[in-house]
Amino acid sequence: MTSLTDILGPKYFDLEAARVDASPTEIIITNDEGTTYYIVTPEDVTIDLEEHGFKKVEE
């Protein structure tokens, strides 16, 4: 089973930095109203992430 840490990868503290690193097929998510961001693939956006309070910032 994949852990939440493995799915999320590195933290970004700036949305612009996350946008630069994200590919067009990846999604930026946050769970703390925009303090930290993570880049994930569409396949990684699951109910498990939603249960931990993550939501899409943009695609």
PDB file of N, CA and C in Angstrom:
ATOM      1  N   MET A   1       0.842  -1.183   0.000  1.00  0.00           N
ATOM      2  CA  MET A   1       0.000   0.000   0.000  1.00  0.00           C
ATOM      3  C   MET A   1       0.887   1.247   0.000  1.00  0.00           C
ATOM      4  N   THR A   2       0.534   2.215  -0.781  1.00  0.00           N
ATOM      5  CA  THR A   2       1.287   3.458  -0.889  1.00  0.00           C
ATOM      6  C   THR A   2       0.891   4.398   0.242  1.00  0.00           C
ATOM      7  N   SER A   3       1.882   5.010   0.866  1.00  0.00           N
ATOM      8  CA  SER A   3       1.590   5.938   1.959  1.00  0.00           C
ATOM      9  C   SER A   3       1.254   7.324   1.403  1.00  0.00           C
ATOM     10  N   LEU A   4       0.618   8.108   2.233  1.00  0.00           N
ATOM     11  CA  LEU A   4       0.254   9.470   1.854  1.00  0.00           C
ATOM     12  C   LEU A   4       1.491  10.288   1.518  1.00  0.00           C
ATOM     13  N   THR A   5       2.568  10.092   2.266  1.00  0.00           N
ATOM     14  CA  THR A   5       3.823  10.811   2.015  1.00  0.00           C
ATOM     15  C   THR A   5       4.380  10.481   0.641  1.00  0.00           C
ATOM     16  N   ASP A   6       4.282   9.225   0.218  1.00  0.00           N
ATOM     17  CA  ASP A   6       4.769   8.826  -1.102  1.00  0.00           C
ATOM     18  C   ASP A   6       3.956   9.472  -2.215  1.00  0.00           C
ATOM     19  N   ILE A   7       2.658   9.601  -2.011  1.00  0.00           N
ATOM     20  CA  ILE A   7       1.782  10.200  -3.027  1.00  0.00           C
ATOM     21  C   ILE A   7       2.061  11.695  -3.153  1.00  0.00           C
ATOM     22  N   LEU A   8       2.225  12.373  -2.013  1.00  0.00           N
ATOM     23  CA  LEU A   8       2.361  13.830  -2.022  1.00  0.00           C
ATOM     24  C   LEU A   8       3.705  14.319  -2.523  1.00  0.00           C
ATOM     25  N   GLY A   9       4.760  13.658  -2.175  1.00  0.00           N
ATOM     26  CA  GLY A   9       6.075  14.123  -2.605  1.00  0.00           C
ATOM     27  C   GLY A   9       6.481  15.404  -1.908  1.00  0.00           C
ATOM     28  N   PRO A  10       7.310  16.238  -2.558  1.00  0.00           N
ATOM     29  CA  PRO A  10       7.835  17.438  -1.900  1.00  0.00           C
ATOM     30  C   PRO A  10       6.762  18.511  -1.670  1.00  0.00           C
ATOM     31  N   LYS A  11       6.982  19.292  -0.619  1.00  0.00           N
ATOM     32  CA  LYS A  11       6.106  20.422  -0.294  1.00  0.00           C
ATOM     33  C   LYS A  11       6.570  21.653  -1.053  1.00  0.00           C
ATOM     34  N   TYR A  12       5.610  22.459  -1.420  1.00  0.00           N
ATOM     35  CA  TYR A  12       5.892  23.777  -1.994  1.00  0.00           C
ATOM     36  C   TYR A  12       5.215  24.798  -1.096  1.00  0.00           C
ATOM     37  N   PHE A  13       5.939  25.842  -0.752  1.00  0.00           N
ATOM     38  CA  PHE A  13       5.376  26.889   0.098  1.00  0.00           C
ATOM     39  C   PHE A  13       4.924  28.090  -0.718  1.00  0.00           C
ATOM     40  N   ASP A  14       5.047  27.983  -2.025  1.00  0.00           N
ATOM     41  CA  ASP A  14       4.667  29.056  -2.929  1.00  0.00           C
ATOM     42  C   ASP A  14       3.935  28.458  -4.124  1.00  0.00           C
ATOM     43  N   LEU A  15       2.743  28.939  -4.407  1.00  0.00           N
ATOM     44  CA  LEU A  15       1.950  28.410  -5.508  1.00  0.00           C
ATOM     45  C   LEU A  15       2.661  28.575  -6.844  1.00  0.00           C
ATOM     46  N   GLU A  16       3.330  29.691  -7.043  1.00  0.00           N
ATOM     47  CA  GLU A  16       4.039  29.921  -8.305  1.00  0.00           C
ATOM     48  C   GLU A  16       5.148  28.888  -8.518  1.00  0.00           C
ATOM     49  N   ALA A  17       5.857  28.519  -7.464  1.00  0.00           N
ATOM     50  CA  ALA A  17       6.901  27.502  -7.573  1.00  0.00           C
ATOM     51  C   ALA A  17       6.293  26.158  -7.949  1.00  0.00           C
ATOM     52  N   ALA A  18       5.154  25.838  -7.380  1.00  0.00           N
ATOM     53  CA  ALA A  18       4.471  24.587  -7.726  1.00  0.00           C
ATOM     54  C   ALA A  18       4.015  24.620  -9.186  1.00  0.00           C
ATOM     55  N   ARG A  19       3.510  25.751  -9.629  1.00  0.00           N
ATOM     56  CA  ARG A  19       3.075  25.879 -11.028  1.00  0.00           C
ATOM     57  C   ARG A  19       4.238  25.650 -11.997  1.00  0.00           C
ATOM     58  N   VAL A  20       5.410  26.166 -11.651  1.00  0.00           N
ATOM     59  CA  VAL A  20       6.586  26.020 -12.508  1.00  0.00           C
ATOM     60  C   VAL A  20       6.990  24.550 -12.617  1.00  0.00           C
ATOM     61  N   ASP A  21       6.939  23.831 -11.507  1.00  0.00           N
ATOM     62  CA  ASP A  21       7.376  22.438 -11.499  1.00  0.00           C
ATOM     63  C   ASP A  21       6.331  21.453 -12.002  1.00  0.00           C
ATOM     64  N   ALA A  22       5.069  21.809 -11.981  1.00  0.00           N
ATOM     65  CA  ALA A  22       4.005  20.895 -12.392  1.00  0.00           C
ATOM     66  C   ALA A  22       3.943  20.789 -13.909  1.00  0.00           C
ATOM     67  N   SER A  23       3.754  19.579 -14.388  1.00  0.00           N
ATOM     68  CA  SER A  23       3.553  19.385 -15.824  1.00  0.00           C
ATOM     69  C   SER A  23       2.085  19.676 -16.137  1.00  0.00           C
ATOM     70  N   PRO A  24       1.757  19.843 -17.407  1.00  0.00           N
ATOM     71  CA  PRO A  24       0.358  20.138 -17.771  1.00  0.00           C
ATOM     72  C   PRO A  24      -0.630  19.046 -17.360  1.00  0.00           C
ATOM     73  N   THR A  25      -0.149  17.832 -17.135  1.00  0.00           N
ATOM     74  CA  THR A  25      -1.057  16.739 -16.765  1.00  0.00           C
ATOM     75  C   THR A  25      -1.168  16.547 -15.251  1.00  0.00           C
ATOM     76  N   GLU A  26      -0.433  17.327 -14.473  1.00  0.00           N
ATOM     77  CA  GLU A  26      -0.460  17.177 -13.024  1.00  0.00           C
ATOM     78  C   GLU A  26      -1.392  18.196 -12.374  1.00  0.00           C
ATOM     79  N   ILE A  27      -1.764  17.897 -11.129  1.00  0.00           N
ATOM     80  CA  ILE A  27      -2.710  18.720 -10.381  1.00  0.00           C
ATOM     81  C   ILE A  27      -2.024  19.233  -9.114  1.00  0.00           C
ATOM     82  N   ILE A  28      -2.259  20.492  -8.789  1.00  0.00           N
ATOM     83  CA  ILE A  28      -1.739  21.075  -7.554  1.00  0.00           C
ATOM     84  C   ILE A  28      -2.845  21.007  -6.511  1.00  0.00           C
ATOM     85  N   ILE A  29      -2.492  20.496  -5.315  1.00  0.00           N
ATOM     86  CA  ILE A  29      -3.467  20.375  -4.231  1.00  0.00           C
ATOM     87  C   ILE A  29      -2.929  21.038  -2.963  1.00  0.00           C
ATOM     88  N   THR A  30      -3.837  21.337  -2.038  1.00  0.00           N
ATOM     89  CA  THR A  30      -3.483  21.869  -0.728  1.00  0.00           C
ATOM     90  C   THR A  30      -4.473  21.331   0.295  1.00  0.00           C
ATOM     91  N   ASN A  31      -4.072  21.313   1.561  1.00  0.00           N
ATOM     92  CA  ASN A  31      -5.010  20.933   2.616  1.00  0.00           C
ATOM     93  C   ASN A  31      -5.023  21.942   3.752  1.00  0.00           C
ATOM     94  N   ASP A  32      -4.371  23.055   3.547  1.00  0.00           N
ATOM     95  CA  ASP A  32      -4.296  24.040   4.621  1.00  0.00           C
ATOM     96  C   ASP A  32      -4.526  25.467   4.133  1.00  0.00           C
ATOM     97  N   GLU A  33      -5.472  25.602   3.244  1.00  0.00           N
ATOM     98  CA  GLU A  33      -5.867  26.921   2.733  1.00  0.00           C
ATOM     99  C   GLU A  33      -4.733  27.709   2.115  1.00  0.00           C
ATOM    100  N   GLY A  34      -3.819  27.016   1.440  1.00  0.00           N
ATOM    101  CA  GLY A  34      -2.821  27.707   0.663  1.00  0.00           C
ATOM    102  C   GLY A  34      -1.505  27.997   1.338  1.00  0.00           C
ATOM    103  N   THR A  35      -1.187  27.323   2.422  1.00  0.00           N
ATOM    104  CA  THR A  35       0.117  27.506   3.046  1.00  0.00           C
ATOM    105  C   THR A  35       1.154  26.587   2.416  1.00  0.00           C
ATOM    106  N   THR A  36       0.742  25.366   2.106  1.00  0.00           N
ATOM    107  CA  THR A  36       1.624  24.414   1.422  1.00  0.00           C
ATOM    108  C   THR A  36       0.873  23.779   0.265  1.00  0.00           C
ATOM    109  N   TYR A  37       1.629  23.421  -0.749  1.00  0.00           N
ATOM    110  CA  TYR A  37       1.067  22.837  -1.965  1.00  0.00           C
ATOM    111  C   TYR A  37       1.815  21.565  -2.307  1.00  0.00           C
ATOM    112  N   TYR A  38       1.136  20.679  -3.012  1.00  0.00           N
ATOM    113  CA  TYR A  38       1.744  19.437  -3.485  1.00  0.00           C
ATOM    114  C   TYR A  38       1.306  19.224  -4.926  1.00  0.00           C
ATOM    115  N   ILE A  39       2.156  18.564  -5.705  1.00  0.00           N
ATOM    116  CA  ILE A  39       1.839  18.238  -7.088  1.00  0.00           C
ATOM    117  C   ILE A  39       1.575  16.749  -7.160  1.00  0.00           C
ATOM    118  N   VAL A  40       0.434  16.374  -7.710  1.00  0.00           N
ATOM    119  CA  VAL A  40       0.077  14.963  -7.840  1.00  0.00           C
ATOM    120  C   VAL A  40      -0.453  14.695  -9.244  1.00  0.00           C
ATOM    121  N   THR A  41      -0.496  13.430  -9.606  1.00  0.00           N
ATOM    122  CA  THR A  41      -1.098  13.047 -10.879  1.00  0.00           C
ATOM    123  C   THR A  41      -2.603  12.898 -10.685  1.00  0.00           C
ATOM    124  N   PRO A  42      -3.378  12.977 -11.737  1.00  0.00           N
ATOM    125  CA  PRO A  42      -4.828  12.812 -11.601  1.00  0.00           C
ATOM    126  C   PRO A  42      -5.210  11.481 -10.947  1.00  0.00           C
ATOM    127  N   GLU A  43      -4.427  10.441 -11.183  1.00  0.00           N
ATOM    128  CA  GLU A  43      -4.718   9.132 -10.597  1.00  0.00           C
ATOM    129  C   GLU A  43      -4.553   9.146  -9.080  1.00  0.00           C
ATOM    130  N   ASP A  44      -3.742  10.066  -8.566  1.00  0.00           N
ATOM    131  CA  ASP A  44      -3.483  10.141  -7.134  1.00  0.00           C
ATOM    132  C   ASP A  44      -4.559  10.908  -6.368  1.00  0.00           C
ATOM    133  N   VAL A  45      -5.401  11.640  -7.072  1.00  0.00           N
ATOM    134  CA  VAL A  45      -6.463  12.399  -6.407  1.00  0.00           C
ATOM    135  C   VAL A  45      -7.587  11.404  -6.113  1.00  0.00           C
ATOM    136  N   THR A  46      -7.554  10.885  -4.898  1.00  0.00           N
ATOM    137  CA  THR A  46      -8.491   9.832  -4.507  1.00  0.00           C
ATOM    138  C   THR A  46      -9.327  10.282  -3.313  1.00  0.00           C
ATOM    139  N   ILE A  47     -10.257   9.461  -2.946  1.00  0.00           N
ATOM    140  CA  ILE A  47     -11.079   9.725  -1.774  1.00  0.00           C
ATOM    141  C   ILE A  47     -10.201   9.806  -0.533  1.00  0.00           C
ATOM    142  N   ASP A  48      -9.117   9.009  -0.507  1.00  0.00           N
ATOM    143  CA  ASP A  48      -8.202   9.041   0.639  1.00  0.00           C
ATOM    144  C   ASP A  48      -7.622  10.438   0.835  1.00  0.00           C
ATOM    145  N   LEU A  49      -7.184  11.074  -0.247  1.00  0.00           N
ATOM    146  CA  LEU A  49      -6.671  12.446  -0.138  1.00  0.00           C
ATOM    147  C   LEU A  49      -7.774  13.402   0.316  1.00  0.00           C
ATOM    148  N   GLU A  50      -8.963  13.235  -0.238  1.00  0.00           N
ATOM    149  CA  GLU A  50     -10.079  14.106   0.130  1.00  0.00           C
ATOM    150  C   GLU A  50     -10.432  13.934   1.602  1.00  0.00           C
ATOM    151  N   GLU A  51     -10.332  12.710   2.117  1.00  0.00           N
ATOM    152  CA  GLU A  51     -10.617  12.468   3.534  1.00  0.00           C
ATOM    153  C   GLU A  51      -9.599  13.145   4.437  1.00  0.00           C
ATOM    154  N   HIS A  52      -8.390  13.377   3.930  1.00  0.00           N
ATOM    155  CA  HIS A  52      -7.371  14.083   4.687  1.00  0.00           C
ATOM    156  C   HIS A  52      -7.457  15.600   4.464  1.00  0.00           C
ATOM    157  N   GLY A  53      -8.484  16.061   3.786  1.00  0.00           N
ATOM    158  CA  GLY A  53      -8.722  17.488   3.632  1.00  0.00           C
ATOM    159  C   GLY A  53      -8.065  18.136   2.430  1.00  0.00           C
ATOM    160  N   PHE A  54      -7.492  17.340   1.532  1.00  0.00           N
ATOM    161  CA  PHE A  54      -6.844  17.921   0.353  1.00  0.00           C
ATOM    162  C   PHE A  54      -7.882  18.288  -0.694  1.00  0.00           C
ATOM    163  N   LYS A  55      -7.629  19.404  -1.363  1.00  0.00           N
ATOM    164  CA  LYS A  55      -8.506  19.812  -2.455  1.00  0.00           C
ATOM    165  C   LYS A  55      -7.651  20.390  -3.580  1.00  0.00           C
ATOM    166  N   LYS A  56      -8.192  20.352  -4.766  1.00  0.00           N
ATOM    167  CA  LYS A  56      -7.482  20.861  -5.934  1.00  0.00           C
ATOM    168  C   LYS A  56      -7.389  22.375  -5.871  1.00  0.00           C
ATOM    169  N   VAL A  57      -6.202  22.871  -6.179  1.00  0.00           N
ATOM    170  CA  VAL A  57      -6.023  24.319  -6.312  1.00  0.00           C
ATOM    171  C   VAL A  57      -6.298  24.699  -7.760  1.00  0.00           C
ATOM    172  N   GLU A  58      -5.733  23.918  -8.657  1.00  0.00           N
ATOM    173  CA  GLU A  58      -5.908  24.120 -10.091  1.00  0.00           C
ATOM    174  C   GLU A  58      -5.412  22.898 -10.806  1.00  0.00           C
ATOM    175  N   GLU A  59      -5.798  22.771 -12.046  1.00  0.00           N
ATOM    176  CA  GLU A  59      -5.326  21.627 -12.836  1.00  0.00           C
ATOM    177  C   GLU A  59      -4.354  22.095 -13.864  1.00  0.00           C
TER     178      GLU A  59
END
